[in-house]
Amino acid sequence: MKVKDLLVMIKEMLDDAVDIEYITPKFNYHYEITPYTFAPKVAKRIVNKTYLDLGQGIFNYIQGVYKEFNPLPTYDGLIIKDIVTFKE
C-alpha cells in the first residue's frame, strides 16, 4: 500500500477534516555513477495467528483517541450512556 493511499484513507475516515501536505525532501539520494548499492537485509518475518484489517484497525484507533479526548459525561458518579455514534 502506498503512503499516499493510507493518508487518503485516514482523511476519508475523518470526513475530510484534515489536509495532507507533501513536502519536498531536503536531500536528493539519487546515485551519481551506479545504481547498485550493497544493503544487506537482515530481517525476520513475523506472522501473527490473528488478522485485523488495516482500515478497521485505523478506525478503531481513531475511535479510541476520540473517546480519550471526549470522555463520557458523568452525573453523581454514574456514566451517561454513549450518545455519540461513529460512521463506518
C-alpha atoms as a PDB file:
ATOM      1  CA  MET A   1       0.000   0.000   0.000  1.00  0.00           C
ATOM      2  CA  LYS A   2       1.299   3.444  -0.861  1.00  0.00           C
ATOM      3  CA  VAL A   3       1.667   6.010   1.912  1.00  0.00           C
ATOM      4  CA  LYS A   4      -0.493   8.386  -0.124  1.00  0.00           C
ATOM      5  CA  ASP A   5      -3.328   5.814  -0.217  1.00  0.00           C
ATOM      6  CA  LEU A   6      -3.056   5.299   3.535  1.00  0.00           C
ATOM      7  CA  LEU A   7      -3.236   9.042   4.218  1.00  0.00           C
ATOM      8  CA  VAL A   8      -6.226   9.444   1.890  1.00  0.00           C
ATOM      9  CA  MET A   9      -7.993   6.587   3.710  1.00  0.00           C
ATOM     10  CA  ILE A  10      -7.414   8.289   7.084  1.00  0.00           C
ATOM     11  CA  LYS A  11      -8.604  11.612   5.643  1.00  0.00           C
ATOM     12  CA  GLU A  12     -11.832   9.973   4.428  1.00  0.00           C
ATOM     13  CA  MET A  13     -12.407   8.383   7.850  1.00  0.00           C
ATOM     14  CA  LEU A  14     -12.070  11.833   9.427  1.00  0.00           C
ATOM     15  CA  ASP A  15     -14.683  13.191   6.982  1.00  0.00           C
ATOM     16  CA  ASP A  16     -12.049  15.310   5.166  1.00  0.00           C
ATOM     17  CA  ALA A  17     -11.381  17.319   8.349  1.00  0.00           C
ATOM     18  CA  VAL A  18      -7.592  17.193   7.807  1.00  0.00           C
ATOM     19  CA  ASP A  19      -5.380  18.356   4.964  1.00  0.00           C
ATOM     20  CA  ILE A  20      -2.499  16.370   3.523  1.00  0.00           C
ATOM     21  CA  GLU A  21       0.606  18.360   2.628  1.00  0.00           C
ATOM     22  CA  TYR A  22       3.512  16.791   0.767  1.00  0.00           C
ATOM     23  CA  ILE A  23       6.910  18.402   1.381  1.00  0.00           C
ATOM     24  CA  THR A  24       9.844  18.015  -0.993  1.00  0.00           C
ATOM     25  CA  PRO A  25      12.806  16.245   0.636  1.00  0.00           C
ATOM     26  CA  LYS A  26      15.837  18.376   1.523  1.00  0.00           C
ATOM     27  CA  PHE A  27      18.328  15.863   0.155  1.00  0.00           C
ATOM     28  CA  ASN A  28      18.464  14.107  -3.180  1.00  0.00           C
ATOM     29  CA  TYR A  29      19.525  10.500  -2.630  1.00  0.00           C
ATOM     30  CA  HIS A  30      19.946   9.718  -6.305  1.00  0.00           C
ATOM     31  CA  TYR A  31      23.146   7.930  -7.297  1.00  0.00           C
ATOM     32  CA  GLU A  32      25.913   9.695  -9.237  1.00  0.00           C
ATOM     33  CA  ILE A  33      27.621   6.796 -11.038  1.00  0.00           C
ATOM     34  CA  THR A  34      25.954   3.455 -10.374  1.00  0.00           C
ATOM     35  CA  PRO A  35      22.501   2.338  -9.313  1.00  0.00           C
ATOM     36  CA  TYR A  36      23.945  -0.615  -7.364  1.00  0.00           C
ATOM     37  CA  THR A  37      24.064  -0.381  -3.605  1.00  0.00           C
ATOM     38  CA  PHE A  38      25.035  -3.054  -1.117  1.00  0.00           C
ATOM     39  CA  ALA A  39      22.440  -3.034   1.615  1.00  0.00           C
ATOM     40  CA  PRO A  40      22.007  -6.410   3.313  1.00  0.00           C
ATOM     41  CA  LYS A  41      18.508  -7.006   4.589  1.00  0.00           C
ATOM     42  CA  VAL A  42      18.667  -8.561   7.999  1.00  0.00           C
ATOM     43  CA  ALA A  43      15.022  -9.003   8.852  1.00  0.00           C
ATOM     44  CA  LYS A  44      12.844 -11.593  10.455  1.00  0.00           C
ATOM     45  CA  ARG A  45       9.341 -12.252   9.198  1.00  0.00           C
ATOM     46  CA  ILE A  46       6.797 -12.194  11.985  1.00  0.00           C
ATOM     47  CA  VAL A  47       3.439 -13.797  11.299  1.00  0.00           C
ATOM     48  CA  ASN A  48       0.559 -13.460  13.721  1.00  0.00           C
ATOM     49  CA  LYS A  49      -2.189 -16.036  14.151  1.00  0.00           C
ATOM     50  CA  THR A  50      -4.926 -13.403  14.127  1.00  0.00           C
ATOM     51  CA  TYR A  51      -5.709 -10.801  11.487  1.00  0.00           C
ATOM     52  CA  LEU A  52      -7.165  -7.300  11.663  1.00  0.00           C
ATOM     53  CA  ASP A  53      -7.892  -5.298   8.521  1.00  0.00           C
ATOM     54  CA  LEU A  54      -5.683  -2.184   8.282  1.00  0.00           C
ATOM     55  CA  GLY A  55      -8.639   0.135   7.708  1.00  0.00           C
ATOM     56  CA  GLN A  56     -10.563  -1.356  10.639  1.00  0.00           C
ATOM     57  CA  GLY A  57      -7.513  -1.020  12.889  1.00  0.00           C
ATOM     58  CA  ILE A  58      -7.062   2.653  11.994  1.00  0.00           C
ATOM     59  CA  PHE A  59     -10.798   3.256  12.518  1.00  0.00           C
ATOM     60  CA  ASN A  60     -10.652   1.616  15.970  1.00  0.00           C
ATOM     61  CA  TYR A  61      -7.646   3.766  16.863  1.00  0.00           C
ATOM     62  CA  ILE A  62      -9.425   6.975  15.774  1.00  0.00           C
ATOM     63  CA  GLN A  63     -12.415   5.998  17.932  1.00  0.00           C
ATOM     64  CA  GLY A  64     -10.121   5.394  20.915  1.00  0.00           C
ATOM     65  CA  VAL A  65      -8.406   8.758  20.537  1.00  0.00           C
ATOM     66  CA  TYR A  66     -11.774  10.498  20.186  1.00  0.00           C
ATOM     67  CA  LYS A  67     -13.120   8.852  23.331  1.00  0.00           C
ATOM     68  CA  GLU A  68      -9.914   9.718  25.224  1.00  0.00           C
ATOM     69  CA  PHE A  69     -10.287  13.421  24.449  1.00  0.00           C
ATOM     70  CA  ASN A  70     -14.098  13.418  24.720  1.00  0.00           C
ATOM     71  CA  PRO A  71     -14.886  11.288  27.776  1.00  0.00           C
ATOM     72  CA  LEU A  72     -18.461  10.316  28.526  1.00  0.00           C
ATOM     73  CA  PRO A  73     -20.272  12.745  30.825  1.00  0.00           C
ATOM     74  CA  THR A  74     -20.894  11.642  34.402  1.00  0.00           C
ATOM     75  CA  TYR A  75     -23.587  12.580  36.883  1.00  0.00           C
ATOM     76  CA  ASP A  76     -23.093  11.729  40.567  1.00  0.00           C
ATOM     77  CA  GLY A  77     -20.525   9.101  39.628  1.00  0.00           C
ATOM     78  CA  LEU A  78     -22.775   7.436  37.019  1.00  0.00           C
ATOM     79  CA  ILE A  79     -21.664   7.364  33.405  1.00  0.00           C
ATOM     80  CA  ILE A  80     -24.308   8.529  30.961  1.00  0.00           C
ATOM     81  CA  LYS A  81     -24.672   6.112  28.040  1.00  0.00           C
ATOM     82  CA  ASP A  82     -22.625   6.846  24.924  1.00  0.00           C
ATOM     83  CA  ILE A  83     -24.723   9.131  22.731  1.00  0.00           C
ATOM     84  CA  VAL A  84     -22.006   9.698  20.124  1.00  0.00           C
ATOM     85  CA  THR A  85     -22.079   7.368  17.153  1.00  0.00           C
ATOM     86  CA  PHE A  86     -19.384   6.892  14.527  1.00  0.00           C
ATOM     87  CA  LYS A  87     -19.960   6.441  10.820  1.00  0.00           C
ATOM     88  CA  GLU A  88     -18.473   3.294   9.319  1.00  0.00           C
END
